[in-house]
Amino acid sequence: MRTDVCAREDVDTQAALLEALGSAGAVPDDDTAGELPFPIGLHRFTAPDGTLTVFVDAWGVDLEGPDELAQRVLAHLTAAG
């Protein structure tokens, strides 16, 4: 599953996404993935039941990963917003 999460400038949603990733047990594979706003590039988060990828470019932030895991993160993100 791949979905657009927010605009690059939307730091509040990026912070909520970090929280949602943590609620799914996903931890960043590197230190830069915890920075806000997310640095431009590809960031991997490893959870017990899969790997999620957050892709950031000049325009937006996308989330990709196994359907069930990505949907759990999105559900938490939606509940937080």
Protein backbone atom coordinates (compact mmCIF):
# COMPACT_ATOMS: atom_id res chain seq x y z
CA MET A 1 0.00 0.00 0.00
CA ARG A 2 1.20 3.50 -0.82
CA THR A 3 -0.52 6.70 0.19
CA ASP A 4 0.12 10.44 0.26
CA VAL A 5 0.23 11.67 3.85
CA CYS A 6 0.73 15.42 3.75
CA ALA A 7 2.45 18.38 2.17
CA ARG A 8 6.15 18.86 2.88
CA GLU A 9 5.41 22.01 4.92
CA ASP A 10 2.87 20.29 7.22
CA VAL A 11 5.11 19.67 10.21
CA ASP A 12 2.16 18.98 12.56
CA THR A 13 1.03 16.02 10.43
CA GLN A 14 4.62 14.80 10.15
CA ALA A 15 4.87 14.83 13.96
CA ALA A 16 1.60 12.88 14.17
CA LEU A 17 2.97 10.42 11.59
CA LEU A 18 6.05 9.82 13.75
CA GLU A 19 3.77 9.13 16.71
CA ALA A 20 1.60 6.80 14.61
CA LEU A 21 4.67 4.90 13.40
CA GLY A 22 5.78 4.49 17.01
CA SER A 23 2.34 3.22 18.01
CA ALA A 24 2.75 0.47 15.39
CA GLY A 25 6.10 -0.47 16.96
CA ALA A 26 8.06 0.95 14.01
CA VAL A 27 11.50 2.35 14.74
CA PRO A 28 13.62 4.35 12.30
CA ASP A 29 16.55 2.61 10.64
CA ASP A 30 18.63 5.79 10.95
CA ASP A 31 18.77 8.92 13.11
CA THR A 32 17.60 11.37 10.44
CA ALA A 33 14.16 9.75 10.20
CA GLY A 34 13.25 11.23 13.59
CA GLU A 35 13.94 14.82 12.52
CA LEU A 36 11.12 17.26 11.82
CA PRO A 37 10.41 18.25 9.22
CA PHE A 38 11.46 14.97 7.66
CA PRO A 39 14.60 15.44 5.56
CA ILE A 40 14.09 14.93 1.84
CA GLY A 41 14.77 11.33 0.89
CA LEU A 42 13.76 7.78 1.71
CA HIS A 43 13.36 6.77 5.36
CA ARG A 44 12.75 3.20 6.53
CA PHE A 45 10.96 2.23 9.72
CA THR A 46 11.10 -1.37 10.90
CA ALA A 47 8.15 -2.81 12.82
CA PRO A 48 7.72 -6.34 14.18
CA ASP A 49 5.46 -7.22 11.26
CA GLY A 50 7.09 -5.38 8.37
CA THR A 51 8.96 -2.39 7.03
CA LEU A 52 7.40 0.97 6.30
CA THR A 53 8.96 3.52 4.01
CA VAL A 54 8.41 7.26 4.29
CA PHE A 55 9.38 9.09 1.11
CA VAL A 56 9.81 12.84 1.28
CA ASP A 57 10.36 15.15 -1.67
CA ALA A 58 10.06 18.91 -2.10
CA TRP A 59 6.24 18.66 -2.31
CA GLY A 60 5.01 15.92 -0.02
CA VAL A 61 5.35 12.99 2.33
CA ASP A 62 4.27 9.47 1.29
CA LEU A 63 3.93 6.25 3.27
CA GLU A 64 4.40 2.78 1.82
CA GLY A 65 4.37 -0.67 3.36
CA PRO A 66 2.37 -3.86 3.92
CA ASP A 67 -1.36 -3.14 3.70
CA GLU A 68 -2.35 -4.09 7.25
CA LEU A 69 0.60 -2.29 8.85
CA ALA A 70 0.16 0.88 6.77
CA GLN A 71 -3.58 0.90 7.51
CA ARG A 72 -2.87 0.67 11.26
CA VAL A 73 -0.53 3.65 11.03
CA LEU A 74 -3.08 5.62 9.00
CA ALA A 75 -5.88 4.76 11.45
CA HIS A 76 -3.78 6.08 14.34
CA LEU A 77 -2.87 9.16 12.30
CA THR A 78 -6.54 9.82 11.49
CA ALA A 79 -7.57 9.37 15.14
CA ALA A 80 -4.89 11.86 16.21
CA GLY A 81 -6.06 14.48 13.69
